Amino acid sequence: MLILGVAYKADVDDLCESPALNLMQILQQKGALVSYHDQHIPCFTLDGVATSAVALDQETLSSVDCVVIMTAHSAYSWPWIVENSRLVGDTRNATKSVAGAAPTKVVKL
């Protein structure tokens, strides 16, 4: 699973009270392999473990079962992300303007 955006709000570099951290913890406790991308937060420590952002490229998107949008940074290309992902969970309605495959690949959360 790939989490897009761990900052607490779009286009900032602050993790304070970010819901993405809770989601990452829950998923990891359930055995999921979780990675993240956030151009504003290249690394952080979660539960005492140093975590670094992965590259956001076609290989990364196609290698994960699901991409979950937690922070809708303005630099993300939503059509490209949807096109290159298997499944997208959208918690921010970031993909609202993506046409085509979006209805079959995007789950609004």
PDB file of N, CA and C in Angstrom:
ATOM      1  N   MET A   1       0.842  -1.162   0.000  1.00  0.00           N
ATOM      2  CA  MET A   1       0.000   0.000   0.000  1.00  0.00           C
ATOM      3  C   MET A   1       0.891   1.230   0.000  1.00  0.00           C
ATOM      4  N   LEU A   2       0.478   2.220  -0.773  1.00  0.00           N
ATOM      5  CA  LEU A   2       1.201   3.490  -0.842  1.00  0.00           C
ATOM      6  C   LEU A   2       0.302   4.594  -0.337  1.00  0.00           C
ATOM      7  N   ILE A   3       0.785   5.327   0.644  1.00  0.00           N
ATOM      8  CA  ILE A   3       0.075   6.491   1.169  1.00  0.00           C
ATOM      9  C   ILE A   3       0.614   7.716   0.443  1.00  0.00           C
ATOM     10  N   LEU A   4      -0.274   8.495  -0.168  1.00  0.00           N
ATOM     11  CA  LEU A   4       0.136   9.742  -0.807  1.00  0.00           C
ATOM     12  C   LEU A   4      -0.174  10.893   0.138  1.00  0.00           C
ATOM     13  N   GLY A   5       0.868  11.517   0.638  1.00  0.00           N
ATOM     14  CA  GLY A   5       0.720  12.659   1.530  1.00  0.00           C
ATOM     15  C   GLY A   5       0.585  12.252   2.976  1.00  0.00           C
ATOM     16  N   VAL A   6       1.579  12.624   3.785  1.00  0.00           N
ATOM     17  CA  VAL A   6       1.499  12.371   5.222  1.00  0.00           C
ATOM     18  C   VAL A   6       1.418  13.666   6.017  1.00  0.00           C
ATOM     19  N   ALA A   7       1.580  14.797   5.373  1.00  0.00           N
ATOM     20  CA  ALA A   7       1.447  16.085   6.060  1.00  0.00           C
ATOM     21  C   ALA A   7       0.004  16.264   6.510  1.00  0.00           C
ATOM     22  N   TYR A   8      -0.205  17.061   7.539  1.00  0.00           N
ATOM     23  CA  TYR A   8      -1.553  17.197   8.077  1.00  0.00           C
ATOM     24  C   TYR A   8      -2.478  18.005   7.172  1.00  0.00           C
ATOM     25  N   LYS A   9      -1.911  18.801   6.253  1.00  0.00           N
ATOM     26  CA  LYS A   9      -2.732  19.471   5.249  1.00  0.00           C
ATOM     27  C   LYS A   9      -1.884  19.728   4.007  1.00  0.00           C
ATOM     28  N   ALA A  10      -2.557  20.034   2.920  1.00  0.00           N
ATOM     29  CA  ALA A  10      -1.886  20.172   1.626  1.00  0.00           C
ATOM     30  C   ALA A  10      -0.822  21.257   1.620  1.00  0.00           C
ATOM     31  N   ASP A  11       0.289  20.926   0.972  1.00  0.00           N
ATOM     32  CA  ASP A  11       1.372  21.858   0.675  1.00  0.00           C
ATOM     33  C   ASP A  11       2.080  22.438   1.893  1.00  0.00           C
ATOM     34  N   VAL A  12       2.119  21.679   2.987  1.00  0.00           N
ATOM     35  CA  VAL A  12       2.887  22.057   4.171  1.00  0.00           C
ATOM     36  C   VAL A  12       3.808  20.895   4.552  1.00  0.00           C
ATOM     37  N   ASP A  13       4.772  21.185   5.425  1.00  0.00           N
ATOM     38  CA  ASP A  13       5.724  20.143   5.846  1.00  0.00           C
ATOM     39  C   ASP A  13       5.572  19.814   7.329  1.00  0.00           C
ATOM     40  N   ASP A  14       4.346  19.791   7.810  1.00  0.00           N
ATOM     41  CA  ASP A  14       4.068  19.550   9.221  1.00  0.00           C
ATOM     42  C   ASP A  14       3.297  18.240   9.392  1.00  0.00           C
ATOM     43  N   LEU A  15       3.813  17.360  10.237  1.00  0.00           N
ATOM     44  CA  LEU A  15       3.159  16.076  10.533  1.00  0.00           C
ATOM     45  C   LEU A  15       2.191  16.153  11.706  1.00  0.00           C
ATOM     46  N   CYS A  16       2.207  17.244  12.438  1.00  0.00           N
ATOM     47  CA  CYS A  16       1.416  17.380  13.658  1.00  0.00           C
ATOM     48  C   CYS A  16      -0.039  16.975  13.416  1.00  0.00           C
ATOM     49  N   GLU A  17      -0.493  15.972  14.153  1.00  0.00           N
ATOM     50  CA  GLU A  17      -1.866  15.480  14.116  1.00  0.00           C
ATOM     51  C   GLU A  17      -2.316  14.979  12.748  1.00  0.00           C
ATOM     52  N   SER A  18      -1.393  14.493  11.953  1.00  0.00           N
ATOM     53  CA  SER A  18      -1.742  13.979  10.634  1.00  0.00           C
ATOM     54  C   SER A  18      -2.479  12.648  10.759  1.00  0.00           C
ATOM     55  N   PRO A  19      -3.655  12.529  10.144  1.00  0.00           N
ATOM     56  CA  PRO A  19      -4.372  11.247  10.183  1.00  0.00           C
ATOM     57  C   PRO A  19      -3.648  10.143   9.415  1.00  0.00           C
ATOM     58  N   ALA A  20      -2.749  10.515   8.518  1.00  0.00           N
ATOM     59  CA  ALA A  20      -1.993   9.509   7.760  1.00  0.00           C
ATOM     60  C   ALA A  20      -1.142   8.648   8.686  1.00  0.00           C
ATOM     61  N   LEU A  21      -0.625   9.221   9.747  1.00  0.00           N
ATOM     62  CA  LEU A  21       0.209   8.458  10.675  1.00  0.00           C
ATOM     63  C   LEU A  21      -0.600   7.364  11.361  1.00  0.00           C
ATOM     64  N   ASN A  22      -1.806   7.697  11.783  1.00  0.00           N
ATOM     65  CA  ASN A  22      -2.673   6.696  12.411  1.00  0.00           C
ATOM     66  C   ASN A  22      -3.012   5.585  11.429  1.00  0.00           C
ATOM     67  N   LEU A  23      -3.316   5.959  10.194  1.00  0.00           N
ATOM     68  CA  LEU A  23      -3.631   4.957   9.184  1.00  0.00           C
ATOM     69  C   LEU A  23      -2.441   4.045   8.952  1.00  0.00           C
ATOM     70  N   MET A  24      -1.259   4.605   8.835  1.00  0.00           N
ATOM     71  CA  MET A  24      -0.063   3.796   8.626  1.00  0.00           C
ATOM     72  C   MET A  24       0.144   2.809   9.775  1.00  0.00           C
ATOM     73  N   GLN A  25      -0.037   3.270  11.014  1.00  0.00           N
ATOM     74  CA  GLN A  25       0.121   2.393  12.175  1.00  0.00           C
ATOM     75  C   GLN A  25      -0.886   1.249  12.149  1.00  0.00           C
ATOM     76  N   ILE A  26      -2.131   1.561  11.885  1.00  0.00           N
ATOM     77  CA  ILE A  26      -3.185   0.536  11.856  1.00  0.00           C
ATOM     78  C   ILE A  26      -2.888  -0.503  10.780  1.00  0.00           C
ATOM     79  N   LEU A  27      -2.541  -0.038   9.593  1.00  0.00           N
ATOM     80  CA  LEU A  27      -2.256  -0.963   8.496  1.00  0.00           C
ATOM     81  C   LEU A  27      -1.051  -1.842   8.797  1.00  0.00           C
ATOM     82  N   GLN A  28      -0.001  -1.261   9.360  1.00  0.00           N
ATOM     83  CA  GLN A  28       1.189  -2.041   9.706  1.00  0.00           C
ATOM     84  C   GLN A  28       0.887  -3.062  10.794  1.00  0.00           C
ATOM     85  N   GLN A  29       0.072  -2.697  11.776  1.00  0.00           N
ATOM     86  CA  GLN A  29      -0.302  -3.632  12.838  1.00  0.00           C
ATOM     87  C   GLN A  29      -1.083  -4.817  12.273  1.00  0.00           C
ATOM     88  N   LYS A  30      -1.784  -4.599  11.180  1.00  0.00           N
ATOM     89  CA  LYS A  30      -2.556  -5.669  10.541  1.00  0.00           C
ATOM     90  C   LYS A  30      -1.731  -6.442   9.516  1.00  0.00           C
ATOM     91  N   GLY A  31      -0.441  -6.101   9.401  1.00  0.00           N
ATOM     92  CA  GLY A  31       0.456  -6.851   8.540  1.00  0.00           C
ATOM     93  C   GLY A  31       0.675  -6.282   7.148  1.00  0.00           C
ATOM     94  N   ALA A  32       0.123  -5.125   6.858  1.00  0.00           N
ATOM     95  CA  ALA A  32       0.304  -4.538   5.530  1.00  0.00           C
ATOM     96  C   ALA A  32       1.711  -3.962   5.378  1.00  0.00           C
ATOM     97  N   LEU A  33       2.235  -4.051   4.165  1.00  0.00           N
ATOM     98  CA  LEU A  33       3.478  -3.376   3.824  1.00  0.00           C
ATOM     99  C   LEU A  33       3.094  -1.993   3.334  1.00  0.00           C
ATOM    100  N   VAL A  34       3.500  -0.974   4.096  1.00  0.00           N
ATOM    101  CA  VAL A  34       3.066   0.389   3.819  1.00  0.00           C
ATOM    102  C   VAL A  34       4.273   1.258   3.486  1.00  0.00           C
ATOM    103  N   SER A  35       4.159   1.992   2.402  1.00  0.00           N
ATOM    104  CA  SER A  35       5.156   2.994   2.050  1.00  0.00           C
ATOM    105  C   SER A  35       4.417   4.315   1.863  1.00  0.00           C
ATOM    106  N   TYR A  36       5.174   5.383   1.697  1.00  0.00           N
ATOM    107  CA  TYR A  36       4.530   6.678   1.506  1.00  0.00           C
ATOM    108  C   TYR A  36       5.339   7.539   0.556  1.00  0.00           C
ATOM    109  N   HIS A  37       4.652   8.530   0.000  1.00  0.00           N
ATOM    110  CA  HIS A  37       5.315   9.583  -0.758  1.00  0.00           C
ATOM    111  C   HIS A  37       4.748  10.911  -0.291  1.00  0.00           C
ATOM    112  N   ASP A  38       5.641  11.841  -0.019  1.00  0.00           N
ATOM    113  CA  ASP A  38       5.247  13.213   0.318  1.00  0.00           C
ATOM    114  C   ASP A  38       6.448  14.097   0.044  1.00  0.00           C
ATOM    115  N   GLN A  39       6.359  14.927  -0.975  1.00  0.00           N
ATOM    116  CA  GLN A  39       7.486  15.770  -1.344  1.00  0.00           C
ATOM    117  C   GLN A  39       7.831  16.791  -0.266  1.00  0.00           C
ATOM    118  N   HIS A  40       6.934  17.040   0.653  1.00  0.00           N
ATOM    119  CA  HIS A  40       7.185  17.989   1.734  1.00  0.00           C
ATOM    120  C   HIS A  40       7.809  17.334   2.966  1.00  0.00           C
ATOM    121  N   ILE A  41       7.716  16.010   3.069  1.00  0.00           N
ATOM    122  CA  ILE A  41       8.234  15.287   4.229  1.00  0.00           C
ATOM    123  C   ILE A  41       9.038  14.088   3.727  1.00  0.00           C
ATOM    124  N   PRO A  42      10.336  14.288   3.492  1.00  0.00           N
ATOM    125  CA  PRO A  42      11.155  13.206   2.922  1.00  0.00           C
ATOM    126  C   PRO A  42      11.413  12.050   3.885  1.00  0.00           C
ATOM    127  N   CYS A  43      11.358  12.302   5.200  1.00  0.00           N
ATOM    128  CA  CYS A  43      11.543  11.224   6.171  1.00  0.00           C
ATOM    129  C   CYS A  43      10.953  11.647   7.515  1.00  0.00           C
ATOM    130  N   PHE A  44      10.633  10.650   8.325  1.00  0.00           N
ATOM    131  CA  PHE A  44      10.149  10.881   9.681  1.00  0.00           C
ATOM    132  C   PHE A  44      10.277   9.582  10.457  1.00  0.00           C
ATOM    133  N   THR A  45      10.038   9.643  11.750  1.00  0.00           N
ATOM    134  CA  THR A  45      10.104   8.462  12.608  1.00  0.00           C
ATOM    135  C   THR A  45       8.695   8.117  13.078  1.00  0.00           C
ATOM    136  N   LEU A  46       8.325   6.872  12.901  1.00  0.00           N
ATOM    137  CA  LEU A  46       7.009   6.387  13.318  1.00  0.00           C
ATOM    138  C   LEU A  46       7.217   5.183  14.212  1.00  0.00           C
ATOM    139  N   ASP A  47       6.763   5.275  15.444  1.00  0.00           N
ATOM    140  CA  ASP A  47       6.929   4.196  16.423  1.00  0.00           C
ATOM    141  C   ASP A  47       8.394   3.793  16.572  1.00  0.00           C
ATOM    142  N   GLY A  48       9.278   4.782  16.538  1.00  0.00           N
ATOM    143  CA  GLY A  48      10.700   4.531  16.728  1.00  0.00           C
ATOM    144  C   GLY A  48      11.438   4.012  15.504  1.00  0.00           C
ATOM    145  N   VAL A  49      10.745   3.929  14.375  1.00  0.00           N
ATOM    146  CA  VAL A  49      11.361   3.423  13.154  1.00  0.00           C
ATOM    147  C   VAL A  49      11.473   4.565  12.141  1.00  0.00           C
ATOM    148  N   ALA A  50      12.695   4.794  11.650  1.00  0.00           N
ATOM    149  CA  ALA A  50      12.903   5.819  10.631  1.00  0.00           C
ATOM    150  C   ALA A  50      12.251   5.364   9.329  1.00  0.00           C
ATOM    151  N   THR A  51      11.500   6.263   8.723  1.00  0.00           N
ATOM    152  CA  THR A  51      10.760   5.971   7.506  1.00  0.00           C
ATOM    153  C   THR A  51      11.104   7.028   6.467  1.00  0.00           C
ATOM    154  N   SER A  52      11.369   6.604   5.247  1.00  0.00           N
ATOM    155  CA  SER A  52      11.694   7.539   4.167  1.00  0.00           C
ATOM    156  C   SER A  52      10.682   7.420   3.041  1.00  0.00           C
ATOM    157  N   ALA A  53      10.428   8.528   2.381  1.00  0.00           N
ATOM    158  CA  ALA A  53       9.511   8.542   1.245  1.00  0.00           C
ATOM    159  C   ALA A  53      10.086   7.736   0.085  1.00  0.00           C
ATOM    160  N   VAL A  54       9.197   7.112  -0.650  1.00  0.00           N
ATOM    161  CA  VAL A  54       9.594   6.401  -1.864  1.00  0.00           C
ATOM    162  C   VAL A  54       9.394   7.328  -3.052  1.00  0.00           C
ATOM    163  N   ALA A  55      10.004   6.962  -4.156  1.00  0.00           N
ATOM    164  CA  ALA A  55       9.824   7.737  -5.385  1.00  0.00           C
ATOM    165  C   ALA A  55       8.391   7.572  -5.877  1.00  0.00           C
ATOM    166  N   LEU A  56       7.857   8.628  -6.429  1.00  0.00           N
ATOM    167  CA  LEU A  56       6.535   8.536  -7.037  1.00  0.00           C
ATOM    168  C   LEU A  56       6.740   8.429  -8.544  1.00  0.00           C
ATOM    169  N   ASP A  57       6.788   7.183  -8.992  1.00  0.00           N
ATOM    170  CA  ASP A  57       6.987   6.925 -10.412  1.00  0.00           C
ATOM    171  C   ASP A  57       6.084   5.770 -10.831  1.00  0.00           C
ATOM    172  N   GLN A  58       6.092   5.477 -12.117  1.00  0.00           N
ATOM    173  CA  GLN A  58       5.226   4.446 -12.662  1.00  0.00           C
ATOM    174  C   GLN A  58       5.500   3.083 -12.036  1.00  0.00           C
ATOM    175  N   GLU A  59       6.754   2.782 -11.798  1.00  0.00           N
ATOM    176  CA  GLU A  59       7.119   1.495 -11.193  1.00  0.00           C
ATOM    177  C   GLU A  59       6.545   1.371  -9.782  1.00  0.00           C
ATOM    178  N   THR A  60       6.662   2.418  -8.987  1.00  0.00           N
ATOM    179  CA  THR A  60       6.124   2.387  -7.625  1.00  0.00           C
ATOM    180  C   THR A  60       4.612   2.210  -7.646  1.00  0.00           C
ATOM    181  N   LEU A  61       3.926   3.004  -8.458  1.00  0.00           N
ATOM    182  CA  LEU A  61       2.462   2.922  -8.505  1.00  0.00           C
ATOM    183  C   LEU A  61       1.980   1.547  -8.957  1.00  0.00           C
ATOM    184  N   SER A  62       2.635   0.979  -9.934  1.00  0.00           N
ATOM    185  CA  SER A  62       2.185  -0.322 -10.436  1.00  0.00           C
ATOM    186  C   SER A  62       2.567  -1.480  -9.515  1.00  0.00           C
ATOM    187  N   SER A  63       3.486  -1.251  -8.590  1.00  0.00           N
ATOM    188  CA  SER A  63       3.933  -2.333  -7.710  1.00  0.00           C
ATOM    189  C   SER A  63       3.086  -2.489  -6.448  1.00  0.00           C
ATOM    190  N   VAL A  64       2.211  -1.533  -6.165  1.00  0.00           N
ATOM    191  CA  VAL A  64       1.394  -1.620  -4.946  1.00  0.00           C
ATOM    192  C   VAL A  64      -0.042  -1.982  -5.308  1.00  0.00           C
ATOM    193  N   ASP A  65      -0.714  -2.649  -4.373  1.00  0.00           N
ATOM    194  CA  ASP A  65      -2.102  -3.036  -4.597  1.00  0.00           C
ATOM    195  C   ASP A  65      -3.050  -1.849  -4.566  1.00  0.00           C
ATOM    196  N   CYS A  66      -2.717  -0.858  -3.722  1.00  0.00           N
ATOM    197  CA  CYS A  66      -3.620   0.267  -3.534  1.00  0.00           C
ATOM    198  C   CYS A  66      -2.829   1.521  -3.190  1.00  0.00           C
ATOM    199  N   VAL A  67      -3.294   2.641  -3.705  1.00  0.00           N
ATOM    200  CA  VAL A  67      -2.755   3.958  -3.375  1.00  0.00           C
ATOM    201  C   VAL A  67      -3.847   4.681  -2.597  1.00  0.00           C
ATOM    202  N   VAL A  68      -3.498   5.212  -1.430  1.00  0.00           N
ATOM    203  CA  VAL A  68      -4.478   5.937  -0.625  1.00  0.00           C
ATOM    204  C   VAL A  68      -4.063   7.399  -0.545  1.00  0.00           C
ATOM    205  N   ILE A  69      -4.940   8.271  -1.016  1.00  0.00           N
ATOM    206  CA  ILE A  69      -4.688   9.710  -0.974  1.00  0.00           C
ATOM    207  C   ILE A  69      -5.109  10.230   0.397  1.00  0.00           C
ATOM    208  N   MET A  70      -4.110  10.650   1.176  1.00  0.00           N
ATOM    209  CA  MET A  70      -4.380  11.191   2.506  1.00  0.00           C
ATOM    210  C   MET A  70      -4.212  12.715   2.562  1.00  0.00           C
ATOM    211  N   THR A  71      -3.348  13.252   1.722  1.00  0.00           N
ATOM    212  CA  THR A  71      -3.140  14.694   1.658  1.00  0.00           C
ATOM    213  C   THR A  71      -3.080  15.081   0.185  1.00  0.00           C
ATOM    214  N   ALA A  72      -3.908  16.015  -0.213  1.00  0.00           N
ATOM    215  CA  ALA A  72      -4.019  16.382  -1.628  1.00  0.00           C
ATOM    216  C   ALA A  72      -3.069  17.525  -1.978  1.00  0.00           C
ATOM    217  N   HIS A  73      -1.776  17.210  -2.010  1.00  0.00           N
ATOM    218  CA  HIS A  73      -0.791  18.225  -2.385  1.00  0.00           C
ATOM    219  C   HIS A  73      -1.049  18.687  -3.821  1.00  0.00           C
ATOM    220  N   SER A  74      -0.865  19.975  -4.075  1.00  0.00           N
ATOM    221  CA  SER A  74      -1.155  20.530  -5.400  1.00  0.00           C
ATOM    222  C   SER A  74      -0.196  20.032  -6.477  1.00  0.00           C
ATOM    223  N   ALA A  75       0.969  19.544  -6.118  1.00  0.00           N
ATOM    224  CA  ALA A  75       1.943  19.072  -7.108  1.00  0.00           C
ATOM    225  C   ALA A  75       1.591  17.698  -7.681  1.00  0.00           C
ATOM    226  N   TYR A  76       0.692  16.968  -7.059  1.00  0.00           N
ATOM    227  CA  TYR A  76       0.329  15.649  -7.569  1.00  0.00           C
ATOM    228  C   TYR A  76      -0.495  15.765  -8.850  1.00  0.00           C
ATOM    229  N   SER A  77      -0.196  14.914  -9.806  1.00  0.00           N
ATOM    230  CA  SER A  77      -0.966  14.843 -11.046  1.00  0.00           C
ATOM    231  C   SER A  77      -1.980  13.715 -10.888  1.00  0.00           C
ATOM    232  N   TRP A  78      -3.191  14.060 -10.526  1.00  0.00           N
ATOM    233  CA  TRP A  78      -4.208  13.048 -10.228  1.00  0.00           C
ATOM    234  C   TRP A  78      -4.534  12.175 -11.428  1.00  0.00           C
ATOM    235  N   PRO A  79      -4.678  12.712 -12.634  1.00  0.00           N
ATOM    236  CA  PRO A  79      -4.937  11.815 -13.777  1.00  0.00           C
ATOM    237  C   PRO A  79      -3.810  10.792 -13.980  1.00  0.00           C
ATOM    238  N   TRP A  80      -2.566  11.223 -13.856  1.00  0.00           N
ATOM    239  CA  TRP A  80      -1.421  10.319 -14.017  1.00  0.00           C
ATOM    240  C   TRP A  80      -1.405   9.261 -12.924  1.00  0.00           C
ATOM    241  N   ILE A  81      -1.687   9.666 -11.695  1.00  0.00           N
ATOM    242  CA  ILE A  81      -1.702   8.724 -10.571  1.00  0.00           C
ATOM    243  C   ILE A  81      -2.796   7.677 -10.780  1.00  0.00           C
ATOM    244  N   VAL A  82      -3.984   8.104 -11.140  1.00  0.00           N
ATOM    245  CA  VAL A  82      -5.083   7.156 -11.378  1.00  0.00           C
ATOM    246  C   VAL A  82      -4.748   6.229 -12.535  1.00  0.00           C
ATOM    247  N   GLU A  83      -4.239   6.789 -13.612  1.00  0.00           N
ATOM    248  CA  GLU A  83      -3.911   5.987 -14.795  1.00  0.00           C
ATOM    249  C   GLU A  83      -2.893   4.891 -14.495  1.00  0.00           C
ATOM    250  N   ASN A  84      -1.932   5.170 -13.624  1.00  0.00           N
ATOM    251  CA  ASN A  84      -0.835   4.234 -13.366  1.00  0.00           C
ATOM    252  C   ASN A  84      -1.015   3.395 -12.109  1.00  0.00           C
ATOM    253  N   SER A  85      -2.147   3.502 -11.441  1.00  0.00           N
ATOM    254  CA  SER A  85      -2.419   2.739 -10.221  1.00  0.00           C
ATOM    255  C   SER A  85      -3.453   1.658 -10.489  1.00  0.00           C
ATOM    256  N   ARG A  86      -3.382   0.606  -9.699  1.00  0.00           N
ATOM    257  CA  ARG A  86      -4.384  -0.463  -9.801  1.00  0.00           C
ATOM    258  C   ARG A  86      -5.694  -0.029  -9.168  1.00  0.00           C
ATOM    259  N   LEU A  87      -5.578   0.572  -7.976  1.00  0.00           N
ATOM    260  CA  LEU A  87      -6.736   0.985  -7.192  1.00  0.00           C
ATOM    261  C   LEU A  87      -6.342   2.218  -6.395  1.00  0.00           C
ATOM    262  N   VAL A  88      -7.251   3.190  -6.305  1.00  0.00           N
ATOM    263  CA  VAL A  88      -6.985   4.418  -5.562  1.00  0.00           C
ATOM    264  C   VAL A  88      -8.090   4.631  -4.539  1.00  0.00           C
ATOM    265  N   GLY A  89      -7.699   4.786  -3.278  1.00  0.00           N
ATOM    266  CA  GLY A  89      -8.626   5.184  -2.229  1.00  0.00           C
ATOM    267  C   GLY A  89      -8.457   6.674  -2.031  1.00  0.00           C
ATOM    268  N   ASP A  90      -9.505   7.440  -2.248  1.00  0.00           N
ATOM    269  CA  ASP A  90      -9.421   8.897  -2.224  1.00  0.00           C
ATOM    270  C   ASP A  90     -10.169   9.451  -1.019  1.00  0.00           C
ATOM    271  N   THR A  91      -9.418   9.894  -0.016  1.00  0.00           N
ATOM    272  CA  THR A  91     -10.035  10.452   1.191  1.00  0.00           C
ATOM    273  C   THR A  91     -10.236  11.960   1.101  1.00  0.00           C
ATOM    274  N   ARG A  92      -9.775  12.588   0.013  1.00  0.00           N
ATOM    275  CA  ARG A  92      -9.826  14.048  -0.121  1.00  0.00           C
ATOM    276  C   ARG A  92     -10.598  14.532  -1.347  1.00  0.00           C
ATOM    277  N   ASN A  93     -11.242  13.626  -2.069  1.00  0.00           N
ATOM    278  CA  ASN A  93     -11.944  13.959  -3.300  1.00  0.00           C
ATOM    279  C   ASN A  93     -11.009  14.633  -4.307  1.00  0.00           C
ATOM    280  N   ALA A  94      -9.745  14.259  -4.253  1.00  0.00           N
ATOM    281  CA  ALA A  94      -8.732  14.847  -5.123  1.00  0.00           C
ATOM    282  C   ALA A  94      -8.921  14.432  -6.577  1.00  0.00           C
ATOM    283  N   THR A  95      -9.547  13.300  -6.805  1.00  0.00           N
ATOM    284  CA  THR A  95      -9.691  12.768  -8.158  1.00  0.00           C
ATOM    285  C   THR A  95     -11.018  13.157  -8.806  1.00  0.00           C
ATOM    286  N   LYS A  96     -11.714  14.088  -8.232  1.00  0.00           N
ATOM    287  CA  LYS A  96     -13.058  14.441  -8.713  1.00  0.00           C
ATOM    288  C   LYS A  96     -13.094  14.846 -10.187  1.00  0.00           C
ATOM    289  N   SER A  97     -12.019  15.423 -10.687  1.00  0.00           N
ATOM    290  CA  SER A  97     -12.015  15.877 -12.078  1.00  0.00           C
ATOM    291  C   SER A  97     -11.345  14.892 -13.031  1.00  0.00           C
ATOM    292  N   VAL A  98     -10.967  13.711 -12.530  1.00  0.00           N
ATOM    293  CA  VAL A  98     -10.321  12.713 -13.379  1.00  0.00           C
ATOM    294  C   VAL A  98     -11.397  11.939 -14.132  1.00  0.00           C
ATOM    295  N   ALA A  99     -11.302  11.981 -15.438  1.00  0.00           N
ATOM    296  CA  ALA A  99     -12.287  11.287 -16.276  1.00  0.00           C
ATOM    297  C   ALA A  99     -11.758   9.916 -16.682  1.00  0.00           C
ATOM    298  N   GLY A 100     -12.542   9.192 -17.416  1.00  0.00           N
ATOM    299  CA  GLY A 100     -12.097   7.916 -17.969  1.00  0.00           C
ATOM    300  C   GLY A 100     -12.172   6.772 -16.985  1.00  0.00           C
ATOM    301  N   ALA A 101     -11.006   6.235 -16.603  1.00  0.00           N
ATOM    302  CA  ALA A 101     -10.937   5.035 -15.762  1.00  0.00           C
ATOM    303  C   ALA A 101     -11.264   5.294 -14.301  1.00  0.00           C
ATOM    304  N   ALA A 102     -11.388   6.554 -13.923  1.00  0.00           N
ATOM    305  CA  ALA A 102     -11.580   6.873 -12.511  1.00  0.00           C
ATOM    306  C   ALA A 102     -12.717   6.105 -11.842  1.00  0.00           C
ATOM    307  N   PRO A 103     -13.899   6.008 -12.446  1.00  0.00           N
ATOM    308  CA  PRO A 103     -14.983   5.302 -11.754  1.00  0.00           C
ATOM    309  C   PRO A 103     -14.680   3.835 -11.451  1.00  0.00           C
ATOM    310  N   THR A 104     -13.838   3.205 -12.254  1.00  0.00           N
ATOM    311  CA  THR A 104     -13.534   1.798 -12.030  1.00  0.00           C
ATOM    312  C   THR A 104     -12.329   1.585 -11.127  1.00  0.00           C
ATOM    313  N   LYS A 105     -11.489   2.596 -10.967  1.00  0.00           N
ATOM    314  CA  LYS A 105     -10.267   2.470 -10.185  1.00  0.00           C
ATOM    315  C   LYS A 105     -10.292   3.236  -8.869  1.00  0.00           C
ATOM    316  N   VAL A 106     -11.196   4.196  -8.729  1.00  0.00           N
ATOM    317  CA  VAL A 106     -11.177   5.089  -7.576  1.00  0.00           C
ATOM    318  C   VAL A 106     -12.333   4.774  -6.633  1.00  0.00           C
ATOM    319  N   VAL A 107     -11.988   4.644  -5.358  1.00  0.00           N
ATOM    320  CA  VAL A 107     -12.992   4.458  -4.304  1.00  0.00           C
ATOM    321  C   VAL A 107     -12.918   5.695  -3.427  1.00  0.00           C
ATOM    322  N   LYS A 108     -14.017   6.409  -3.317  1.00  0.00           N
ATOM    323  CA  LYS A 108     -14.066   7.591  -2.459  1.00  0.00           C
ATOM    324  C   LYS A 108     -14.262   7.129  -1.024  1.00  0.00           C
ATOM    325  N   LEU A 109     -13.354   7.565  -0.159  1.00  0.00           N
ATOM    326  CA  LEU A 109     -13.422   7.158   1.253  1.00  0.00           C
ATOM    327  C   LEU A 109     -13.773   8.334   2.126  1.00  0.00           C
TER     328      LEU A 109
END
